[in-house]
Amino acid sequence: MAVSQKRRRDASAKLDARKTWTERLRQARLPVLLSVLLVAAILAVYARTWWFGYILIDDPIEVSGNARVRAGLSWHNAVWCFSSFYDGNWIPLTWLSLMLDTTVFGFRPGGYHFTNTLFHAANAVLLFAFLTRTTRAPLRSACVAALFALHPLHVESVAWITERKDVLSVFFGLLALLSYARYARTGSLWPYALSVVGFVASLLSKQTLVTLPCLLLLLDYWPLGRFGPRADGSRIPLSRLLVEKAPFLAASAAFSVIAVLAQGHGHGIKAFDTLPLTVRVENALVVYTQYLWQTFVPRHLVVFYPHPGGQFAWPIVAGTAALIVGISAAAIAGLRRAPYLFVGWAWYLGTLVPMIGLVQVGGQQMADRYTYFPIIGLFIALVWLVGAYLPARVAHSRLLPTATFAGLGALAGLAYIQVGYWHDDLSLFEHAIQSGPDNFYSRNKLGTALYQRGRAPEAIEQFQRAIELNPHAIDARYNLGLVYQNTGRADEAVQLYRAVLADNEPHADAHNNLGAILLNRGQNEEAKQHFQRAVAIDPTRVEAQINLGAANLRLGNYKEAVAANDRALSLDPRRME
């Protein structure tokens, strides 16, 4: 009898062990399966971008017209990445990644698009891994990651080559969060060091996650639970939690200064006399609300939202402020009962601060790409709220998964449509004009795209409309002058170039083109003055050096003519061919 009981116990133990092993295998397979589904969904939405081209906004400066990127990866170019400001940016790891793409894929836009898509897919998987490990809720974590992966607001960051800095910065930022979560769990210094390194790498890609140290403190509260008692009943002192953030804060401070210097070098920052602080604060409140609305109703997303410039009507400002304060008060009131609401809302508010317009860069009011990391907080708050307060009979029925898949499918469909607008410049800016507020910037870019395709009459209409919307639009007036010059309407071109120089005297192209028209008319001395000014503004401008040589030749200044042509040949030896 004893032997029989022992055999039954052994058989039961083996069965339990087999069940445990099977359960572990099932648990291990679930994250892998969900990760594969995330990547597959992203490829379904974004794979066609691999056949897209460059976009007129920034791509000609950052990529297609960047000689360093075109040359590919080399030691000399790597040194340049870390030692130079370029176009108001200091983003060495982003430039290195673009150079690596050139080396691997050649100078084809599809290679850059392919890498952007891969980084976005990696970011979705990393976000899923981080939330799963810290919350032990894989299905909710997968839902947040899917919202991140498929939301139309993120199309701009993925489908635009120049925004490699978005996907790369967040990639390293999420690696930093994963390492920090491991440190919080184990106390080992290696994950802590890796977290700091990941954060620095994020800032070397783009200096937008400078608020990450504050986010780490939020995550200490939830989901890491480091503010509460540990297993042995002890608590981690608040002073230690703060000291842990010191290296992160030091990196944030250093890179914030670098970002301001880089933007100042590129003349991108708007002065307070141009845009007063009160207007910036009002705009920030309005934009917080607009991003919130677009998160839940992602319609009329465009590439450029013009800044209104003036003050907003007080009911709008008061209403947006009341909404933000109301949600913040609810999040604070439910801090103990629903910590995810407070953390998610604070994640959204805090990580948007660098892009909310208090330090205004460029002429846009807001941009879809600015939400790439911040709205993760909204997704967390939403998913955990639904999971916590949904009636049990609904949560355990087929209704919830059906509604979830339907919602994600709708988002994927909207994102797929939004991706299509990034196929080329014409579709992008036509959509911007049709769906967003009419503005001179989009009209000017559409005109440029039309002119590049040989559709000069239509381009002229767009440039004229841009000037109607903003009579002082420098680029639109210059571009219209260029079209007039190339279509035999020299008198009108001269008027436009002189108007451009009256508003923006250091415009090298306007000086050079005006000088060329004057030289053709025999006004050699005035033409020479404009060429000299163009060369003084930009000594590397080859065409201006050649034109200066031609003007000196006509004036009989042979020595000066030879010197100008020598400078042109030193800048571009191909001119000798």
Protein backbone atom coordinates (compact mmCIF):
# COMPACT_ATOMS: atom_id res chain seq x y z
CA MET A 1 0.00 0.00 0.00
CA ALA A 2 2.83 2.38 0.90
CA VAL A 3 4.57 1.68 -2.40
CA SER A 4 1.36 2.36 -4.32
CA GLN A 5 0.83 5.70 -2.53
CA LYS A 6 4.42 6.69 -3.21
CA ARG A 7 3.96 5.92 -6.90
CA ARG A 8 0.79 8.01 -7.01
CA ARG A 9 2.58 10.89 -5.31
CA ASP A 10 5.49 10.63 -7.76
CA ALA A 11 3.11 10.54 -10.71
CA SER A 12 1.22 13.53 -9.33
CA ALA A 13 4.47 15.44 -8.83
CA LYS A 14 5.56 14.70 -12.40
CA LEU A 15 2.18 15.87 -13.68
CA ASP A 16 2.44 19.08 -11.65
CA ALA A 17 5.97 19.62 -12.95
CA ARG A 18 4.75 19.05 -16.52
CA LYS A 19 1.90 21.54 -15.97
CA THR A 20 4.33 24.09 -14.51
CA TRP A 21 6.69 23.65 -17.46
CA THR A 22 3.80 23.95 -19.92
CA GLU A 23 2.52 27.06 -18.17
CA ARG A 24 5.96 28.62 -18.24
CA LEU A 25 6.29 27.82 -21.93
CA ARG A 26 2.88 29.37 -22.57
CA GLN A 27 3.85 32.47 -20.60
CA ALA A 28 7.14 32.73 -22.48
CA ARG A 29 5.44 32.35 -25.85
CA LEU A 30 2.87 35.09 -25.22
CA PRO A 31 5.32 38.05 -25.19
CA VAL A 32 7.07 36.68 -28.27
CA LEU A 33 3.77 36.24 -30.10
CA LEU A 34 2.58 39.72 -29.16
CA SER A 35 5.92 41.24 -30.23
CA VAL A 36 5.71 39.51 -33.60
CA LEU A 37 2.16 40.83 -34.06
CA LEU A 38 3.34 44.36 -33.22
CA VAL A 39 6.12 44.21 -35.80
CA ALA A 40 3.81 42.70 -38.43
CA ALA A 41 1.25 45.47 -37.90
CA ILE A 42 3.92 48.16 -38.24
CA LEU A 43 5.25 46.61 -41.45
CA ALA A 44 1.71 46.46 -42.86
CA VAL A 45 1.31 50.20 -42.28
CA TYR A 46 4.81 51.49 -43.08
CA ALA A 47 6.52 49.06 -45.49
CA ARG A 48 5.49 51.07 -48.56
CA THR A 49 7.54 54.03 -47.33
CA TRP A 50 10.59 52.06 -48.56
CA TRP A 51 9.62 53.21 -52.06
CA PHE A 52 9.05 56.84 -51.07
CA GLY A 53 11.49 59.65 -51.86
CA TYR A 54 12.82 62.74 -50.14
CA ILE A 55 10.59 65.55 -48.89
CA LEU A 56 11.27 69.25 -49.52
CA ILE A 57 11.22 70.08 -45.80
CA ASP A 58 14.69 69.60 -44.30
CA ASP A 59 15.52 66.42 -46.26
CA PRO A 60 17.49 68.45 -48.86
CA ILE A 61 19.52 69.99 -46.01
CA GLU A 62 19.84 67.09 -43.58
CA VAL A 63 20.14 64.17 -46.01
CA SER A 64 20.04 64.56 -49.80
CA GLY A 65 21.99 67.84 -49.74
CA ASN A 66 24.25 66.96 -46.82
CA ALA A 67 27.64 66.15 -48.34
CA ARG A 68 28.68 64.31 -45.18
CA VAL A 69 25.68 61.98 -45.27
CA ARG A 70 26.09 61.47 -49.00
CA ALA A 71 29.72 60.40 -48.48
CA GLY A 72 28.79 57.67 -46.01
CA LEU A 73 30.55 56.53 -42.85
CA SER A 74 34.21 57.44 -42.40
CA TRP A 75 36.51 58.50 -39.60
CA HIS A 76 36.64 62.06 -40.93
CA ASN A 77 32.84 62.29 -41.09
CA ALA A 78 32.49 60.75 -37.62
CA VAL A 79 34.73 63.49 -36.20
CA TRP A 80 32.57 66.09 -37.97
CA CYS A 81 29.43 64.62 -36.36
CA PHE A 82 30.72 65.33 -32.87
CA SER A 83 32.50 68.61 -33.58
CA SER A 84 29.97 70.60 -35.62
CA PHE A 85 26.65 72.35 -35.37
CA TYR A 86 24.68 71.90 -38.58
CA ASP A 87 21.36 73.49 -39.53
CA GLY A 88 20.71 74.44 -35.89
CA ASN A 89 21.30 70.89 -34.62
CA TRP A 90 23.90 68.85 -32.77
CA ILE A 91 22.76 65.25 -33.22
CA PRO A 92 25.92 63.20 -33.80
CA LEU A 93 24.38 59.73 -33.41
CA THR A 94 21.59 60.59 -35.84
CA TRP A 95 24.08 61.75 -38.45
CA LEU A 96 26.17 58.63 -37.88
CA SER A 97 23.14 56.40 -38.38
CA LEU A 98 22.26 58.20 -41.65
CA MET A 99 25.87 57.84 -42.84
CA LEU A 100 25.77 54.14 -42.00
CA ASP A 101 22.61 53.80 -44.10
CA THR A 102 24.42 55.43 -47.02
CA THR A 103 27.30 53.00 -46.62
CA VAL A 104 25.01 49.97 -46.43
CA PHE A 105 22.21 50.85 -48.87
CA GLY A 106 23.80 53.48 -51.07
CA PHE A 107 22.41 56.96 -51.53
CA ARG A 108 18.80 55.89 -52.05
CA PRO A 109 15.90 57.22 -49.97
CA GLY A 110 14.45 53.74 -49.52
CA GLY A 111 17.33 52.71 -47.27
CA TYR A 112 16.73 55.58 -44.86
CA HIS A 113 12.99 54.88 -44.82
CA PHE A 114 13.66 51.19 -44.14
CA THR A 115 15.79 52.00 -41.10
CA ASN A 116 13.21 54.46 -39.74
CA THR A 117 10.59 51.71 -39.90
CA LEU A 118 12.87 49.24 -38.13
CA PHE A 119 13.54 51.68 -35.31
CA HIS A 120 9.83 52.35 -34.90
CA ALA A 121 9.16 48.61 -34.70
CA ALA A 122 11.97 48.22 -32.19
CA ASN A 123 10.54 51.04 -30.11
CA ALA A 124 7.11 49.38 -29.97
CA VAL A 125 8.67 46.11 -28.82
CA LEU A 126 10.88 47.87 -26.24
CA LEU A 127 7.88 49.75 -24.85
CA PHE A 128 5.97 46.47 -24.59
CA ALA A 129 8.93 44.81 -22.83
CA PHE A 130 9.35 47.70 -20.38
CA LEU A 131 5.68 47.81 -19.39
CA THR A 132 5.42 44.02 -19.15
CA ARG A 133 8.42 43.75 -16.86
CA THR A 134 7.36 46.58 -14.60
CA THR A 135 3.60 45.99 -14.39
CA ARG A 136 3.35 42.20 -14.93
CA ALA A 137 0.36 42.91 -17.20
CA PRO A 138 1.34 41.70 -20.69
CA LEU A 139 -2.03 42.22 -22.37
CA ARG A 140 -2.43 45.79 -21.16
CA SER A 141 1.21 46.47 -22.02
CA ALA A 142 0.67 45.07 -25.51
CA CYS A 143 -2.35 47.32 -25.97
CA VAL A 144 -0.30 50.41 -25.04
CA ALA A 145 2.49 49.32 -27.39
CA ALA A 146 -0.04 48.74 -30.20
CA LEU A 147 -1.52 52.22 -29.72
CA PHE A 148 2.02 53.62 -29.91
CA ALA A 149 2.84 51.53 -32.98
CA LEU A 150 -0.28 52.37 -35.00
CA HIS A 151 -1.34 55.88 -34.01
CA PRO A 152 -1.50 58.30 -36.98
CA LEU A 153 0.21 61.05 -34.97
CA HIS A 154 3.42 59.01 -35.23
CA VAL A 155 3.44 58.80 -39.03
CA GLU A 156 5.44 62.02 -39.35
CA SER A 157 8.26 60.69 -37.17
CA VAL A 158 8.51 57.44 -39.15
CA ALA A 159 7.73 58.41 -42.76
CA TRP A 160 9.96 61.50 -42.78
CA ILE A 161 13.66 60.66 -43.21
CA THR A 162 14.81 63.79 -41.37
CA GLU A 163 12.95 62.65 -38.27
CA ARG A 164 15.35 59.75 -37.80
CA LYS A 165 16.32 61.72 -34.72
CA ASP A 166 12.87 61.04 -33.20
CA VAL A 167 12.86 57.28 -33.57
CA LEU A 168 16.55 56.96 -32.67
CA SER A 169 16.30 59.16 -29.58
CA VAL A 170 13.28 57.25 -28.27
CA PHE A 171 15.01 53.93 -29.04
CA PHE A 172 17.86 54.78 -26.69
CA GLY A 173 15.45 56.38 -24.20
CA LEU A 174 13.43 53.16 -23.95
CA LEU A 175 16.63 51.15 -23.53
CA ALA A 176 17.48 53.49 -20.65
CA LEU A 177 14.05 52.84 -19.08
CA LEU A 178 14.48 49.08 -19.42
CA SER A 179 17.90 49.18 -17.78
CA TYR A 180 16.60 51.41 -15.01
CA ALA A 181 13.74 48.99 -14.33
CA ARG A 182 16.26 46.17 -13.95
CA TYR A 183 18.33 48.29 -11.58
CA ALA A 184 15.23 49.09 -9.50
CA ARG A 185 14.48 45.37 -9.24
CA THR A 186 18.00 44.05 -8.56
CA GLY A 187 19.96 46.98 -7.14
CA SER A 188 22.87 46.07 -9.41
CA LEU A 189 25.02 48.99 -10.58
CA TRP A 190 25.55 47.62 -14.09
CA PRO A 191 21.96 48.23 -15.21
CA TYR A 192 22.13 51.67 -13.60
CA ALA A 193 25.27 52.52 -15.58
CA LEU A 194 23.66 51.19 -18.77
CA SER A 195 20.63 53.36 -18.10
CA VAL A 196 22.80 56.48 -17.88
CA VAL A 197 24.63 55.49 -21.07
CA GLY A 198 21.32 54.89 -22.86
CA PHE A 199 20.05 58.29 -21.74
CA VAL A 200 23.20 60.04 -23.01
CA ALA A 201 22.88 58.19 -26.32
CA SER A 202 19.27 59.40 -26.54
CA LEU A 203 20.41 62.99 -26.06
CA LEU A 204 23.18 62.51 -28.63
CA SER A 205 20.42 61.59 -31.10
CA LYS A 206 18.10 64.48 -30.22
CA GLN A 207 17.84 66.63 -27.11
CA THR A 208 14.12 66.21 -26.47
CA LEU A 209 14.11 63.61 -23.68
CA VAL A 210 15.83 66.00 -21.26
CA THR A 211 12.90 65.53 -18.85
CA LEU A 212 13.62 61.80 -18.49
CA PRO A 213 15.11 62.19 -14.96
CA CYS A 214 11.74 63.50 -13.73
CA LEU A 215 10.00 60.64 -15.53
CA LEU A 216 12.24 58.15 -13.72
CA LEU A 217 11.08 59.60 -10.40
CA LEU A 218 7.47 59.17 -11.51
CA LEU A 219 8.14 55.57 -12.48
CA ASP A 220 9.71 54.99 -9.05
CA TYR A 221 6.24 55.69 -7.64
CA TRP A 222 4.40 53.55 -10.20
CA PRO A 223 4.85 50.92 -11.51
CA LEU A 224 8.21 50.30 -9.82
CA GLY A 225 6.73 50.91 -6.36
CA ARG A 226 9.96 52.22 -4.86
CA PHE A 227 8.17 54.77 -2.68
CA GLY A 228 6.39 52.06 -0.71
CA PRO A 229 7.70 49.48 1.76
CA ARG A 230 9.96 46.72 0.46
CA ALA A 231 9.60 43.01 1.20
CA ASP A 232 11.51 43.36 4.47
CA GLY A 233 9.36 46.31 5.57
CA SER A 234 12.03 48.95 5.00
CA ARG A 235 11.69 51.96 2.70
CA ILE A 236 14.06 53.57 0.25
CA PRO A 237 14.82 57.11 1.50
CA LEU A 238 13.59 59.86 -0.79
CA SER A 239 17.07 61.38 -0.63
CA ARG A 240 18.50 58.24 -2.24
CA LEU A 241 15.91 58.29 -5.02
CA LEU A 242 16.85 61.90 -5.73
CA VAL A 243 20.60 61.26 -5.60
CA GLU A 244 20.18 58.42 -8.08
CA LYS A 245 18.90 60.95 -10.61
CA ALA A 246 21.94 63.26 -10.27
CA PRO A 247 23.88 61.85 -13.28
CA PHE A 248 20.73 62.01 -15.39
CA LEU A 249 20.07 65.60 -14.32
CA ALA A 250 23.68 66.60 -15.06
CA ALA A 251 23.38 65.14 -18.56
CA SER A 252 20.05 66.91 -19.08
CA ALA A 253 21.50 70.26 -18.05
CA ALA A 254 24.54 69.88 -20.29
CA PHE A 255 22.58 68.82 -23.34
CA SER A 256 19.94 71.51 -22.81
CA VAL A 257 22.68 74.13 -23.05
CA ILE A 258 24.06 72.42 -26.17
CA ALA A 259 20.59 72.40 -27.78
CA VAL A 260 20.11 76.12 -27.14
CA LEU A 261 23.59 76.89 -28.52
CA ALA A 262 22.93 74.78 -31.61
CA GLN A 263 19.58 76.45 -32.30
CA GLY A 264 21.12 79.86 -31.68
CA HIS A 265 23.88 79.00 -34.14
CA GLY A 266 21.22 78.16 -36.72
CA HIS A 267 19.20 81.31 -35.88
CA GLY A 268 16.17 79.12 -35.17
CA ILE A 269 15.09 80.49 -31.78
CA LYS A 270 12.50 83.26 -31.84
CA ALA A 271 13.21 86.29 -29.65
CA PHE A 272 10.72 87.38 -26.99
CA ASP A 273 10.19 90.71 -28.76
CA THR A 274 8.99 88.68 -31.77
CA LEU A 275 6.80 86.35 -29.73
CA PRO A 276 6.03 87.56 -26.16
CA LEU A 277 6.06 85.16 -23.23
CA THR A 278 2.32 85.62 -22.62
CA VAL A 279 1.57 84.44 -26.16
CA ARG A 280 3.86 81.43 -25.69
CA VAL A 281 2.15 80.42 -22.46
CA GLU A 282 -1.31 80.79 -23.99
CA ASN A 283 -0.22 78.78 -27.02
CA ALA A 284 1.21 76.06 -24.75
CA LEU A 285 -2.13 75.65 -22.98
CA VAL A 286 -4.01 75.50 -26.27
CA VAL A 287 -1.55 73.05 -27.83
CA TYR A 288 -1.68 70.69 -24.83
CA THR A 289 -5.41 70.46 -25.41
CA GLN A 290 -5.10 70.11 -29.19
CA TYR A 291 -2.65 67.22 -28.83
CA LEU A 292 -5.04 65.62 -26.36
CA TRP A 293 -7.90 65.97 -28.85
CA GLN A 294 -5.82 64.62 -31.74
CA THR A 295 -4.82 61.62 -29.65
CA PHE A 296 -8.46 60.55 -29.39
CA VAL A 297 -9.67 62.06 -32.69
CA PRO A 298 -6.71 61.87 -35.12
CA ARG A 299 -8.18 63.87 -38.01
CA HIS A 300 -6.79 66.68 -40.20
CA LEU A 301 -3.17 65.84 -39.36
CA VAL A 302 -0.86 67.93 -41.55
CA VAL A 303 2.84 68.55 -41.93
CA PHE A 304 2.71 72.21 -40.85
CA TYR A 305 0.49 74.05 -38.36
CA PRO A 306 1.20 77.80 -38.67
CA HIS A 307 1.70 79.70 -35.44
CA PRO A 308 -1.15 82.20 -34.95
CA GLY A 309 1.34 84.76 -33.65
CA GLY A 310 -1.08 86.90 -31.65
CA GLN A 311 -2.93 86.34 -28.41
CA PHE A 312 -5.80 83.87 -28.18
CA ALA A 313 -9.36 84.78 -27.21
CA TRP A 314 -9.70 84.57 -23.43
CA PRO A 315 -12.54 81.96 -23.48
CA ILE A 316 -10.25 79.58 -25.40
CA VAL A 317 -7.34 80.09 -23.00
CA ALA A 318 -9.60 79.81 -19.94
CA GLY A 319 -11.29 76.68 -21.27
CA THR A 320 -8.03 74.89 -22.07
CA ALA A 321 -6.52 75.89 -18.72
CA ALA A 322 -9.60 74.62 -16.88
CA LEU A 323 -9.43 71.29 -18.71
CA ILE A 324 -5.75 70.79 -17.88
CA VAL A 325 -6.21 71.81 -14.25
CA GLY A 326 -9.31 69.60 -13.93
CA ILE A 327 -7.57 66.48 -15.25
CA SER A 328 -4.52 67.23 -13.11
CA ALA A 329 -6.69 67.61 -10.00
CA ALA A 330 -8.45 64.31 -10.72
CA ALA A 331 -5.11 62.58 -11.22
CA ILE A 332 -3.78 63.92 -7.91
CA ALA A 333 -6.98 63.05 -6.06
CA GLY A 334 -6.77 59.47 -7.31
CA LEU A 335 -3.05 59.14 -6.66
CA ARG A 336 -3.34 56.21 -4.27
CA ARG A 337 -6.30 54.50 -5.91
CA ALA A 338 -5.19 54.96 -9.53
CA PRO A 339 -1.46 55.84 -9.60
CA TYR A 340 -1.28 55.02 -13.32
CA LEU A 341 -3.57 57.98 -14.07
CA PHE A 342 -1.28 60.41 -12.27
CA VAL A 343 1.90 58.93 -13.79
CA GLY A 344 0.45 58.75 -17.30
CA TRP A 345 -0.87 62.32 -17.21
CA ALA A 346 2.36 63.67 -15.71
CA TRP A 347 4.33 61.71 -18.35
CA TYR A 348 2.31 63.51 -21.05
CA LEU A 349 2.56 66.98 -19.53
CA GLY A 350 6.21 66.76 -18.51
CA THR A 351 7.83 65.21 -21.55
CA LEU A 352 6.08 67.70 -23.86
CA VAL A 353 7.64 70.70 -22.09
CA PRO A 354 10.71 70.95 -24.39
CA MET A 355 8.45 71.00 -27.49
CA ILE A 356 5.48 73.01 -26.24
CA GLY A 357 6.72 76.36 -27.61
CA LEU A 358 7.96 78.14 -24.50
CA VAL A 359 11.27 78.18 -26.34
CA GLN A 360 9.96 78.79 -29.85
CA VAL A 361 11.92 77.28 -32.72
CA GLY A 362 10.64 77.81 -36.26
CA GLY A 363 7.27 79.10 -37.40
CA GLN A 364 5.03 76.19 -36.41
CA GLN A 365 2.49 76.23 -33.60
CA MET A 366 2.77 72.49 -33.02
CA ALA A 367 3.87 69.34 -34.84
CA ASP A 368 2.72 65.72 -34.90
CA ARG A 369 6.29 64.52 -34.37
CA TYR A 370 6.45 66.24 -30.97
CA THR A 371 3.98 63.67 -29.59
CA TYR A 372 6.09 60.61 -30.45
CA PHE A 373 7.16 59.94 -26.85
CA PRO A 374 4.79 62.08 -24.69
CA ILE A 375 1.47 60.45 -25.64
CA ILE A 376 2.72 57.11 -24.35
CA GLY A 377 1.63 58.51 -20.99
CA LEU A 378 -1.91 59.05 -22.26
CA PHE A 379 -2.02 55.51 -23.64
CA ILE A 380 -0.92 54.09 -20.27
CA ALA A 381 -3.53 56.09 -18.36
CA LEU A 382 -6.30 55.13 -20.80
CA VAL A 383 -5.56 51.39 -20.97
CA TRP A 384 -5.14 50.97 -17.22
CA LEU A 385 -8.27 53.01 -16.50
CA VAL A 386 -10.33 50.84 -18.83
CA GLY A 387 -8.88 47.69 -17.30
CA ALA A 388 -9.53 48.84 -13.75
CA TYR A 389 -13.06 50.22 -14.08
CA LEU A 390 -14.61 48.06 -16.78
CA PRO A 391 -17.33 45.79 -15.34
CA ALA A 392 -16.08 42.25 -14.77
CA ARG A 393 -18.74 40.69 -16.99
CA VAL A 394 -17.59 42.90 -19.88
CA ALA A 395 -13.89 42.36 -19.19
CA HIS A 396 -14.29 38.59 -19.32
CA SER A 397 -16.55 38.55 -22.37
CA ARG A 398 -15.69 38.71 -26.04
CA LEU A 399 -16.79 42.32 -26.19
CA LEU A 400 -13.52 43.79 -24.86
CA PRO A 401 -11.10 42.00 -27.24
CA THR A 402 -13.47 42.64 -30.14
CA ALA A 403 -13.65 46.35 -29.35
CA THR A 404 -9.88 46.50 -28.83
CA PHE A 405 -9.07 44.89 -32.16
CA ALA A 406 -11.65 47.06 -33.91
CA GLY A 407 -10.17 50.22 -32.41
CA LEU A 408 -6.61 49.23 -33.27
CA GLY A 409 -7.71 48.28 -36.77
CA ALA A 410 -9.31 51.70 -37.24
CA LEU A 411 -6.12 53.42 -36.04
CA ALA A 412 -4.04 51.29 -38.40
CA GLY A 413 -6.32 52.25 -41.29
CA LEU A 414 -6.02 55.95 -40.48
CA ALA A 415 -2.24 55.63 -40.13
CA TYR A 416 -2.04 53.82 -43.48
CA ILE A 417 -3.94 56.68 -45.14
CA GLN A 418 -1.73 59.24 -43.40
CA VAL A 419 1.41 57.43 -44.61
CA GLY A 420 0.14 57.80 -48.19
CA TYR A 421 0.33 61.59 -47.97
CA TRP A 422 4.10 61.30 -47.45
CA HIS A 423 4.59 59.61 -50.82
CA ASP A 424 5.82 62.83 -52.41
CA ASP A 425 5.81 66.60 -51.97
CA LEU A 426 2.72 67.20 -54.07
CA SER A 427 0.47 64.88 -52.09
CA LEU A 428 1.91 66.06 -48.78
CA PHE A 429 1.37 69.78 -49.32
CA GLU A 430 -1.89 69.46 -51.22
CA HIS A 431 -3.21 67.54 -48.22
CA ALA A 432 -1.81 70.21 -45.86
CA ILE A 433 -3.69 72.95 -47.72
CA GLN A 434 -6.91 70.96 -48.00
CA SER A 435 -7.00 69.66 -44.42
CA GLY A 436 -5.24 72.33 -42.39
CA PRO A 437 -5.41 76.10 -42.18
CA ASP A 438 -4.34 77.75 -45.44
CA ASN A 439 -0.88 79.23 -44.94
CA PHE A 440 1.98 80.71 -46.90
CA TYR A 441 4.45 78.00 -45.87
CA SER A 442 2.51 75.09 -47.39
CA ARG A 443 1.66 77.15 -50.48
CA ASN A 444 5.33 77.99 -50.99
CA LYS A 445 6.41 74.36 -50.64
CA LEU A 446 3.67 73.20 -53.00
CA GLY A 447 4.81 75.81 -55.52
CA THR A 448 8.38 74.55 -55.26
CA ALA A 449 7.24 70.95 -55.81
CA LEU A 450 5.22 71.99 -58.87
CA TYR A 451 8.11 73.97 -60.33
CA GLN A 452 10.50 71.04 -59.88
CA ARG A 453 8.08 69.00 -62.01
CA GLY A 454 8.06 71.59 -64.78
CA ARG A 455 4.63 72.99 -63.96
CA ALA A 456 5.68 76.65 -63.82
CA PRO A 457 2.24 78.30 -64.31
CA GLU A 458 0.77 76.33 -61.39
CA ALA A 459 3.86 77.06 -59.31
CA ILE A 460 3.45 80.78 -59.95
CA GLU A 461 -0.14 80.61 -58.71
CA GLN A 462 0.97 78.94 -55.48
CA PHE A 463 3.78 81.45 -54.86
CA GLN A 464 1.42 84.37 -55.53
CA ARG A 465 -1.10 82.89 -53.08
CA ALA A 466 1.65 82.48 -50.48
CA ILE A 467 2.59 86.15 -50.86
CA GLU A 468 -1.07 87.16 -50.51
CA LEU A 469 -1.21 85.25 -47.21
CA ASN A 470 2.07 86.77 -46.03
CA PRO A 471 3.37 89.75 -48.04
CA HIS A 472 6.73 89.51 -46.23
CA ALA A 473 7.30 85.81 -46.95
CA ILE A 474 10.96 85.77 -47.98
CA ASP A 475 11.07 82.29 -49.51
CA ALA A 476 7.88 82.69 -51.53
CA ARG A 477 9.00 86.00 -53.03
CA TYR A 478 12.46 84.63 -53.82
CA ASN A 479 11.02 81.48 -55.42
CA LEU A 480 8.58 83.50 -57.50
CA GLY A 481 11.47 85.70 -58.63
CA LEU A 482 13.42 82.59 -59.60
CA VAL A 483 10.54 81.29 -61.72
CA TYR A 484 10.14 84.69 -63.38
CA GLN A 485 13.87 84.84 -64.07
CA ASN A 486 13.86 81.39 -65.68
CA THR A 487 10.75 82.09 -67.75
CA GLY A 488 11.90 85.37 -69.32
CA ARG A 489 10.17 87.80 -66.95
CA ALA A 490 13.34 89.50 -65.78
CA ASP A 491 11.81 92.86 -64.80
CA GLU A 492 9.40 91.21 -62.37
CA ALA A 493 12.22 89.03 -61.04
CA VAL A 494 14.34 92.12 -60.32
CA GLN A 495 11.51 93.73 -58.37
CA LEU A 496 11.06 90.61 -56.25
CA TYR A 497 14.77 90.15 -55.57
CA ARG A 498 15.10 93.78 -54.48
CA ALA A 499 12.06 93.35 -52.20
CA VAL A 500 13.63 90.23 -50.67
CA LEU A 501 16.90 92.06 -50.02
CA ALA A 502 15.04 94.99 -48.48
CA ASP A 503 13.61 92.63 -45.84
CA ASN A 504 16.53 90.21 -45.62
CA GLU A 505 19.74 91.77 -46.92
CA PRO A 506 22.01 88.76 -46.16
CA HIS A 507 20.26 86.59 -48.78
CA ALA A 508 23.15 85.25 -50.87
CA ASP A 509 20.96 83.65 -53.55
CA ALA A 510 18.97 86.83 -54.11
CA HIS A 511 22.20 88.84 -54.47
CA ASN A 512 23.65 86.30 -56.91
CA ASN A 513 20.51 86.02 -59.06
CA LEU A 514 19.92 89.78 -59.14
CA GLY A 515 23.56 90.24 -60.12
CA ALA A 516 23.16 87.74 -62.98
CA ILE A 517 20.22 89.69 -64.44
CA LEU A 518 22.12 92.98 -64.13
CA LEU A 519 25.20 91.44 -65.75
CA ASN A 520 23.10 90.32 -68.74
CA ARG A 521 21.84 93.90 -69.02
CA GLY A 522 25.36 95.32 -69.06
CA GLN A 523 25.08 96.88 -65.58
CA ASN A 524 28.44 95.37 -64.74
CA GLU A 525 29.48 97.50 -61.77
CA GLU A 526 26.21 97.00 -59.85
CA ALA A 527 26.26 93.30 -60.77
CA LYS A 528 29.80 93.02 -59.34
CA GLN A 529 28.63 94.58 -56.07
CA HIS A 530 25.91 91.99 -55.68
CA PHE A 531 28.29 89.12 -56.47
CA GLN A 532 30.79 90.45 -53.95
CA ARG A 533 28.08 90.62 -51.32
CA ALA A 534 26.93 87.05 -52.11
CA VAL A 535 30.51 85.81 -51.72
CA ALA A 536 30.92 87.74 -48.47
CA ILE A 537 27.76 86.14 -47.06
CA ASP A 538 28.75 82.64 -48.22
CA PRO A 539 32.34 82.21 -49.48
CA THR A 540 31.57 78.60 -50.47
CA ARG A 541 28.97 79.59 -53.07
CA VAL A 542 30.61 78.44 -56.32
CA GLU A 543 28.16 80.11 -58.73
CA ALA A 544 28.67 83.49 -57.08
CA GLN A 545 32.46 83.13 -57.39
CA ILE A 546 32.15 82.30 -61.10
CA ASN A 547 29.77 85.22 -61.67
CA LEU A 548 32.11 87.55 -59.81
CA GLY A 549 34.91 86.44 -62.14
CA ALA A 550 32.70 87.15 -65.17
CA ALA A 551 31.82 90.64 -63.91
CA ASN A 552 35.48 91.48 -63.26
CA LEU A 553 36.38 90.20 -66.73
CA ARG A 554 33.86 92.56 -68.33
CA LEU A 555 35.17 95.43 -66.26
CA GLY A 556 38.75 94.65 -67.31
CA ASN A 557 39.83 93.55 -63.85
CA TYR A 558 41.67 90.49 -65.12
CA LYS A 559 43.65 89.74 -61.98
CA GLU A 560 40.49 89.79 -59.85
CA ALA A 561 38.68 87.66 -62.44
CA VAL A 562 41.40 84.99 -62.31
CA ALA A 563 41.37 85.02 -58.50
CA ALA A 564 37.58 84.53 -58.36
CA ASN A 565 37.70 81.63 -60.81
CA ASP A 566 40.58 80.06 -58.91
CA ARG A 567 38.47 80.16 -55.75
CA ALA A 568 35.58 78.55 -57.64
CA LEU A 569 37.85 75.76 -58.90
CA SER A 570 39.23 75.13 -55.41
CA LEU A 571 35.65 74.78 -54.13
CA ASP A 572 34.53 72.54 -56.99
CA PRO A 573 37.38 70.99 -59.06
CA ARG A 574 34.78 69.40 -61.36
CA ARG A 575 34.44 72.82 -63.00
CA MET A 576 37.75 72.09 -64.72
CA GLU A 577 36.21 69.19 -66.66
